[in-house]
């Protein structure tokens, strides 16, 4: 949303059918919109780790930013400070698995880009919120996989993305949906390169995260 006022107006309007549990303004102000024990309308058509339509099982936080459509910019230090504090309090109240701290773009890559590649997921992970790739081991090299490829390697990496939690058909066809899922993965975990291509760097990070997640 362009501003907190616009976001709040939209999220309290019954006709908009959009809401979240929390909203954080650029000055760090936190607004409580929906009690955490009630359903908010922030996820929409979505999928993560075997669940679809995640509004029933998620806590939604909207962070004010114009977004990719209206002049995407870095999130402010007060916003990030407030977000860390809020997330830590939420985790005290709710037993949320680190893999389930996700972006809207992770759960709905065909519709969402937020919070986007300027969001500091690594900072959250350092504070015990979610996961982030560290100490990455190099995987065996493979040629980059991209849109319109069709082979067993594509199916292998589709299965790895699905293992992490993403929703996609594992058919060995690198179609538009697979490309969007890869871009969502990159927006979260490889923010310097968002091209929808599974190259050596992206595959290294994915392998690392899968191994890391097994130890959680």
C-alpha atoms as a PDB file:
ATOM      1  CA  UNK A   1       0.000   0.000   0.000  1.00  0.00           C
ATOM      2  CA  UNK A   2       1.149   3.540  -0.770  1.00  0.00           C
ATOM      3  CA  UNK A   3       0.505   4.778   2.790  1.00  0.00           C
ATOM      4  CA  UNK A   4      -0.680   3.514   6.159  1.00  0.00           C
ATOM      5  CA  UNK A   5      -3.880   5.530   5.783  1.00  0.00           C
ATOM      6  CA  UNK A   6      -4.683   3.868   2.450  1.00  0.00           C
ATOM      7  CA  UNK A   7      -3.818   0.448   3.840  1.00  0.00           C
ATOM      8  CA  UNK A   8      -5.941   0.865   6.960  1.00  0.00           C
ATOM      9  CA  UNK A   9      -8.899   2.255   5.025  1.00  0.00           C
ATOM     10  CA  UNK A  10      -8.822  -0.721   2.702  1.00  0.00           C
ATOM     11  CA  UNK A  11      -8.336  -3.329   5.413  1.00  0.00           C
ATOM     12  CA  UNK A  12     -11.273  -2.147   7.526  1.00  0.00           C
ATOM     13  CA  UNK A  13     -13.643  -1.806   4.564  1.00  0.00           C
ATOM     14  CA  UNK A  14     -16.103  -4.754   4.399  1.00  0.00           C
ATOM     15  CA  UNK A  15     -16.464  -4.308   0.644  1.00  0.00           C
ATOM     16  CA  UNK A  16     -12.709  -4.688   0.031  1.00  0.00           C
ATOM     17  CA  UNK A  17     -12.589  -8.198   1.538  1.00  0.00           C
ATOM     18  CA  UNK A  18      -8.916  -7.629   2.373  1.00  0.00           C
ATOM     19  CA  UNK A  19      -7.454  -7.515   5.862  1.00  0.00           C
ATOM     20  CA  UNK A  20      -4.510  -8.531   8.003  1.00  0.00           C
ATOM     21  CA  UNK A  21      -3.950  -9.031  11.694  1.00  0.00           C
ATOM     22  CA  UNK A  22      -1.284  -6.336  11.919  1.00  0.00           C
ATOM     23  CA  UNK A  23      -0.044  -3.342   9.915  1.00  0.00           C
ATOM     24  CA  UNK A  24       3.278  -1.538  10.412  1.00  0.00           C
ATOM     25  CA  UNK A  25       3.688   2.040   9.190  1.00  0.00           C
ATOM     26  CA  UNK A  26       6.960   3.471   7.871  1.00  0.00           C
ATOM     27  CA  UNK A  27       7.476   5.329  11.154  1.00  0.00           C
ATOM     28  CA  UNK A  28       7.285   2.028  13.048  1.00  0.00           C
ATOM     29  CA  UNK A  29       3.758   2.441  14.394  1.00  0.00           C
ATOM     30  CA  UNK A  30       2.013  -0.923  14.778  1.00  0.00           C
ATOM     31  CA  UNK A  31      -1.733  -1.161  14.158  1.00  0.00           C
ATOM     32  CA  UNK A  32      -3.758  -4.129  15.370  1.00  0.00           C
ATOM     33  CA  UNK A  33      -6.569  -4.792  12.892  1.00  0.00           C
ATOM     34  CA  UNK A  34      -7.830  -8.334  13.523  1.00  0.00           C
ATOM     35  CA  UNK A  35      -7.309 -10.431  16.693  1.00  0.00           C
ATOM     36  CA  UNK A  36      -4.844 -13.237  16.049  1.00  0.00           C
ATOM     37  CA  UNK A  37      -7.396 -15.907  16.962  1.00  0.00           C
ATOM     38  CA  UNK A  38      -9.713 -14.738  14.169  1.00  0.00           C
ATOM     39  CA  UNK A  39      -9.411 -15.202  10.414  1.00  0.00           C
ATOM     40  CA  UNK A  40      -8.062 -12.306   8.347  1.00  0.00           C
ATOM     41  CA  UNK A  41      -8.229 -12.004   4.553  1.00  0.00           C
ATOM     42  CA  UNK A  42      -4.611 -11.526   3.559  1.00  0.00           C
ATOM     43  CA  UNK A  43      -3.478 -14.777   1.919  1.00  0.00           C
ATOM     44  CA  UNK A  44      -6.254 -15.477  -0.571  1.00  0.00           C
ATOM     45  CA  UNK A  45      -5.700 -18.365  -2.968  1.00  0.00           C
ATOM     46  CA  UNK A  46      -2.492 -19.802  -1.562  1.00  0.00           C
ATOM     47  CA  UNK A  47      -0.440 -22.907  -0.834  1.00  0.00           C
ATOM     48  CA  UNK A  48       2.366 -23.783   1.554  1.00  0.00           C
ATOM     49  CA  UNK A  49       3.696 -27.124   2.832  1.00  0.00           C
ATOM     50  CA  UNK A  50       0.636 -29.104   1.887  1.00  0.00           C
ATOM     51  CA  UNK A  51      -1.990 -26.563   2.944  1.00  0.00           C
ATOM     52  CA  UNK A  52      -4.046 -24.392   0.639  1.00  0.00           C
ATOM     53  CA  UNK A  53      -6.082 -21.231   1.346  1.00  0.00           C
ATOM     54  CA  UNK A  54      -3.950 -20.186   4.298  1.00  0.00           C
ATOM     55  CA  UNK A  55      -6.162 -17.476   5.771  1.00  0.00           C
ATOM     56  CA  UNK A  56      -7.477 -20.016   8.289  1.00  0.00           C
ATOM     57  CA  UNK A  57      -4.054 -20.980   9.639  1.00  0.00           C
ATOM     58  CA  UNK A  58      -1.892 -17.861   9.372  1.00  0.00           C
ATOM     59  CA  UNK A  59      -1.169 -14.530  11.012  1.00  0.00           C
ATOM     60  CA  UNK A  60      -0.835 -11.753   8.456  1.00  0.00           C
ATOM     61  CA  UNK A  61       1.387  -8.684   8.811  1.00  0.00           C
ATOM     62  CA  UNK A  62       1.180  -5.880   6.250  1.00  0.00           C
ATOM     63  CA  UNK A  63       4.218  -3.583   6.095  1.00  0.00           C
ATOM     64  CA  UNK A  64       3.541  -0.218   4.487  1.00  0.00           C
ATOM     65  CA  UNK A  65       5.489   0.271   1.245  1.00  0.00           C
ATOM     66  CA  UNK A  66       4.417   1.578  -2.172  1.00  0.00           C
ATOM     67  CA  UNK A  67       5.413  -1.790  -3.614  1.00  0.00           C
ATOM     68  CA  UNK A  68       6.591  -2.704  -7.103  1.00  0.00           C
ATOM     69  CA  UNK A  69       3.613  -0.985  -8.711  1.00  0.00           C
ATOM     70  CA  UNK A  70       4.002   2.458  -7.113  1.00  0.00           C
ATOM     71  CA  UNK A  71       7.708   2.945  -6.399  1.00  0.00           C
ATOM     72  CA  UNK A  72       9.117   0.080  -4.348  1.00  0.00           C
ATOM     73  CA  UNK A  73      11.700   1.230  -1.811  1.00  0.00           C
ATOM     74  CA  UNK A  74      13.653  -0.155   1.156  1.00  0.00           C
ATOM     75  CA  UNK A  75      11.777  -0.715   4.379  1.00  0.00           C
ATOM     76  CA  UNK A  76      12.632   1.813   7.070  1.00  0.00           C
ATOM     77  CA  UNK A  77      14.699   1.041  10.193  1.00  0.00           C
ATOM     78  CA  UNK A  78      11.727   1.876  12.484  1.00  0.00           C
ATOM     79  CA  UNK A  79       9.556  -0.543  10.484  1.00  0.00           C
ATOM     80  CA  UNK A  80      12.085  -3.343  10.769  1.00  0.00           C
ATOM     81  CA  UNK A  81      12.622  -2.716  14.491  1.00  0.00           C
ATOM     82  CA  UNK A  82       8.882  -2.860  15.110  1.00  0.00           C
ATOM     83  CA  UNK A  83       8.530  -5.937  12.916  1.00  0.00           C
ATOM     84  CA  UNK A  84      11.226  -7.857  14.794  1.00  0.00           C
ATOM     85  CA  UNK A  85       9.616  -7.022  18.135  1.00  0.00           C
ATOM     86  CA  UNK A  86       6.135  -7.918  16.888  1.00  0.00           C
ATOM     87  CA  UNK A  87       7.267 -11.219  15.364  1.00  0.00           C
ATOM     88  CA  UNK A  88       9.088 -12.219  18.528  1.00  0.00           C
ATOM     89  CA  UNK A  89       5.931 -11.581  20.546  1.00  0.00           C
ATOM     90  CA  UNK A  90       3.815 -13.529  18.044  1.00  0.00           C
ATOM     91  CA  UNK A  91       6.212 -16.481  18.268  1.00  0.00           C
ATOM     92  CA  UNK A  92       5.907 -16.473  22.053  1.00  0.00           C
ATOM     93  CA  UNK A  93       2.138 -16.823  21.697  1.00  0.00           C
ATOM     94  CA  UNK A  94       2.100 -19.259  18.777  1.00  0.00           C
ATOM     95  CA  UNK A  95       4.257 -22.354  18.055  1.00  0.00           C
ATOM     96  CA  UNK A  96       5.142 -21.399  14.455  1.00  0.00           C
ATOM     97  CA  UNK A  97       7.732 -23.530  12.660  1.00  0.00           C
ATOM     98  CA  UNK A  98      10.604 -21.452  11.191  1.00  0.00           C
ATOM     99  CA  UNK A  99       9.763 -22.731   7.690  1.00  0.00           C
ATOM    100  CA  UNK A 100       6.309 -21.225   8.074  1.00  0.00           C
ATOM    101  CA  UNK A 101       7.587 -17.658   8.374  1.00  0.00           C
ATOM    102  CA  UNK A 102       7.010 -16.757   4.746  1.00  0.00           C
ATOM    103  CA  UNK A 103       6.254 -14.016   2.257  1.00  0.00           C
ATOM    104  CA  UNK A 104       2.973 -13.497   0.457  1.00  0.00           C
ATOM    105  CA  UNK A 105       5.038 -14.146  -2.677  1.00  0.00           C
ATOM    106  CA  UNK A 106       6.025 -17.574  -1.328  1.00  0.00           C
ATOM    107  CA  UNK A 107       2.450 -18.730  -0.822  1.00  0.00           C
ATOM    108  CA  UNK A 108       0.962 -17.082  -3.932  1.00  0.00           C
ATOM    109  CA  UNK A 109       3.797 -16.578  -6.451  1.00  0.00           C
ATOM    110  CA  UNK A 110       1.404 -16.113  -9.357  1.00  0.00           C
ATOM    111  CA  UNK A 111      -0.263 -13.115  -7.678  1.00  0.00           C
ATOM    112  CA  UNK A 112       2.095 -11.611  -5.114  1.00  0.00           C
ATOM    113  CA  UNK A 113       5.556 -10.031  -5.025  1.00  0.00           C
ATOM    114  CA  UNK A 114       5.565  -8.699  -1.476  1.00  0.00           C
ATOM    115  CA  UNK A 115       7.453  -8.005   0.639  1.00  0.00           C
ATOM    116  CA  UNK A 116       9.960  -8.299  -2.184  1.00  0.00           C
ATOM    117  CA  UNK A 117      13.693  -8.350  -2.707  1.00  0.00           C
ATOM    118  CA  UNK A 118      14.411  -5.282  -0.528  1.00  0.00           C
ATOM    119  CA  UNK A 119      13.062  -6.960   2.586  1.00  0.00           C
ATOM    120  CA  UNK A 120      15.746  -7.998   5.101  1.00  0.00           C
ATOM    121  CA  UNK A 121      14.911 -11.644   5.801  1.00  0.00           C
ATOM    122  CA  UNK A 122      18.445 -12.237   7.074  1.00  0.00           C
ATOM    123  CA  UNK A 123      17.887  -9.808   9.936  1.00  0.00           C
ATOM    124  CA  UNK A 124      14.742 -11.635  10.989  1.00  0.00           C
ATOM    125  CA  UNK A 125      16.558 -14.977  10.912  1.00  0.00           C
ATOM    126  CA  UNK A 126      19.335 -13.601  13.126  1.00  0.00           C
ATOM    127  CA  UNK A 127      16.629 -12.752  15.652  1.00  0.00           C
ATOM    128  CA  UNK A 128      15.172 -16.264  15.567  1.00  0.00           C
ATOM    129  CA  UNK A 129      12.411 -15.489  13.048  1.00  0.00           C
ATOM    130  CA  UNK A 130      12.325 -17.776  10.011  1.00  0.00           C
ATOM    131  CA  UNK A 131      15.387 -19.154   8.206  1.00  0.00           C
ATOM    132  CA  UNK A 132      18.169 -17.759   6.029  1.00  0.00           C
ATOM    133  CA  UNK A 133      20.963 -19.449   4.038  1.00  0.00           C
ATOM    134  CA  UNK A 134      24.337 -19.319   5.795  1.00  0.00           C
ATOM    135  CA  UNK A 135      27.562 -21.297   5.298  1.00  0.00           C
ATOM    136  CA  UNK A 136      26.424 -22.609   1.926  1.00  0.00           C
ATOM    137  CA  UNK A 137      28.232 -25.666   0.569  1.00  0.00           C
ATOM    138  CA  UNK A 138      28.761 -25.861  -3.173  1.00  0.00           C
ATOM    139  CA  UNK A 139      26.592 -28.453  -4.905  1.00  0.00           C
ATOM    140  CA  UNK A 140      27.677 -30.293  -8.072  1.00  0.00           C
ATOM    141  CA  UNK A 141      27.470 -28.010 -11.088  1.00  0.00           C
ATOM    142  CA  UNK A 142      24.551 -28.342 -13.470  1.00  0.00           C
ATOM    143  CA  UNK A 143      23.569 -26.325 -16.489  1.00  0.00           C
ATOM    144  CA  UNK A 144      21.039 -23.553 -15.772  1.00  0.00           C
ATOM    145  CA  UNK A 145      17.404 -24.565 -16.052  1.00  0.00           C
ATOM    146  CA  UNK A 146      14.932 -22.053 -17.431  1.00  0.00           C
ATOM    147  CA  UNK A 147      11.543 -21.484 -19.033  1.00  0.00           C
ATOM    148  CA  UNK A 148      10.547 -24.113 -21.633  1.00  0.00           C
ATOM    149  CA  UNK A 149      13.115 -26.695 -20.503  1.00  0.00           C
ATOM    150  CA  UNK A 150      11.641 -30.177 -20.168  1.00  0.00           C
ATOM    151  CA  UNK A 151      13.699 -32.967 -18.585  1.00  0.00           C
ATOM    152  CA  UNK A 152      14.371 -35.008 -15.456  1.00  0.00           C
ATOM    153  CA  UNK A 153      16.587 -32.279 -13.983  1.00  0.00           C
ATOM    154  CA  UNK A 154      13.642 -29.884 -14.014  1.00  0.00           C
ATOM    155  CA  UNK A 155      11.528 -32.451 -12.174  1.00  0.00           C
ATOM    156  CA  UNK A 156      14.279 -32.935  -9.578  1.00  0.00           C
ATOM    157  CA  UNK A 157      14.435 -29.241  -8.760  1.00  0.00           C
ATOM    158  CA  UNK A 158      10.657 -28.914  -8.802  1.00  0.00           C
ATOM    159  CA  UNK A 159      10.565 -31.642  -6.152  1.00  0.00           C
ATOM    160  CA  UNK A 160      13.133 -29.775  -4.055  1.00  0.00           C
ATOM    161  CA  UNK A 161      11.124 -26.556  -4.194  1.00  0.00           C
ATOM    162  CA  UNK A 162       8.039 -28.538  -3.190  1.00  0.00           C
ATOM    163  CA  UNK A 163       9.971 -30.138  -0.322  1.00  0.00           C
ATOM    164  CA  UNK A 164      10.769 -26.690   1.018  1.00  0.00           C
ATOM    165  CA  UNK A 165       7.072 -25.807   0.861  1.00  0.00           C
ATOM    166  CA  UNK A 166       6.226 -24.258  -2.497  1.00  0.00           C
ATOM    167  CA  UNK A 167       3.162 -25.352  -4.429  1.00  0.00           C
ATOM    168  CA  UNK A 168       3.935 -26.545  -7.944  1.00  0.00           C
ATOM    169  CA  UNK A 169       3.341 -29.546 -10.184  1.00  0.00           C
ATOM    170  CA  UNK A 170       6.393 -31.803 -10.410  1.00  0.00           C
ATOM    171  CA  UNK A 171       6.069 -32.739 -14.067  1.00  0.00           C
ATOM    172  CA  UNK A 172       9.532 -31.949 -15.435  1.00  0.00           C
ATOM    173  CA  UNK A 173       8.176 -29.060 -17.500  1.00  0.00           C
ATOM    174  CA  UNK A 174       9.694 -25.642 -16.762  1.00  0.00           C
ATOM    175  CA  UNK A 175       6.544 -23.679 -17.434  1.00  0.00           C
ATOM    176  CA  UNK A 176       5.403 -20.267 -16.263  1.00  0.00           C
ATOM    177  CA  UNK A 177       4.310 -21.550 -12.853  1.00  0.00           C
ATOM    178  CA  UNK A 178       7.733 -23.049 -12.152  1.00  0.00           C
ATOM    179  CA  UNK A 179       9.407 -19.815 -13.254  1.00  0.00           C
ATOM    180  CA  UNK A 180       7.184 -17.787 -10.907  1.00  0.00           C
ATOM    181  CA  UNK A 181       7.935 -20.126  -8.005  1.00  0.00           C
ATOM    182  CA  UNK A 182      11.679 -19.822  -8.654  1.00  0.00           C
ATOM    183  CA  UNK A 183      11.374 -16.024  -8.725  1.00  0.00           C
ATOM    184  CA  UNK A 184       9.482 -16.119  -5.420  1.00  0.00           C
ATOM    185  CA  UNK A 185      12.246 -18.289  -3.952  1.00  0.00           C
ATOM    186  CA  UNK A 186      14.864 -15.822  -5.211  1.00  0.00           C
ATOM    187  CA  UNK A 187      12.969 -12.815  -3.819  1.00  0.00           C
ATOM    188  CA  UNK A 188      13.145 -14.450  -0.411  1.00  0.00           C
ATOM    189  CA  UNK A 189      16.517 -16.214  -0.405  1.00  0.00           C
ATOM    190  CA  UNK A 190      18.629 -14.877  -3.316  1.00  0.00           C
ATOM    191  CA  UNK A 191      17.659 -11.260  -3.588  1.00  0.00           C
ATOM    192  CA  UNK A 192      20.562 -10.132  -5.760  1.00  0.00           C
ATOM    193  CA  UNK A 193      19.325 -12.134  -8.758  1.00  0.00           C
ATOM    194  CA  UNK A 194      15.637 -12.593  -9.563  1.00  0.00           C
ATOM    195  CA  UNK A 195      15.456 -14.049 -13.043  1.00  0.00           C
ATOM    196  CA  UNK A 196      13.438 -17.249 -12.619  1.00  0.00           C
ATOM    197  CA  UNK A 197      16.434 -19.386 -13.639  1.00  0.00           C
ATOM    198  CA  UNK A 198      17.726 -22.280 -11.533  1.00  0.00           C
ATOM    199  CA  UNK A 199      21.440 -21.680 -11.920  1.00  0.00           C
ATOM    200  CA  UNK A 200      24.264 -22.947  -9.716  1.00  0.00           C
ATOM    201  CA  UNK A 201      23.816 -20.184  -7.147  1.00  0.00           C
ATOM    202  CA  UNK A 202      20.078 -20.686  -6.746  1.00  0.00           C
ATOM    203  CA  UNK A 203      20.418 -24.475  -6.544  1.00  0.00           C
ATOM    204  CA  UNK A 204      23.174 -24.195  -3.910  1.00  0.00           C
ATOM    205  CA  UNK A 205      20.916 -22.076  -1.717  1.00  0.00           C
ATOM    206  CA  UNK A 206      17.950 -24.409  -2.179  1.00  0.00           C
ATOM    207  CA  UNK A 207      20.009 -27.481  -1.273  1.00  0.00           C
ATOM    208  CA  UNK A 208      21.385 -25.707   1.788  1.00  0.00           C
ATOM    209  CA  UNK A 209      17.938 -24.694   3.008  1.00  0.00           C
ATOM    210  CA  UNK A 210      16.537 -28.199   2.593  1.00  0.00           C
ATOM    211  CA  UNK A 211      19.375 -29.675   4.660  1.00  0.00           C
ATOM    212  CA  UNK A 212      19.066 -26.924   7.245  1.00  0.00           C
ATOM    213  CA  UNK A 213      15.314 -27.459   7.519  1.00  0.00           C
ATOM    214  CA  UNK A 214      15.782 -31.177   8.195  1.00  0.00           C
ATOM    215  CA  UNK A 215      17.645 -30.293  11.383  1.00  0.00           C
ATOM    216  CA  UNK A 216      14.912 -28.043  12.751  1.00  0.00           C
END
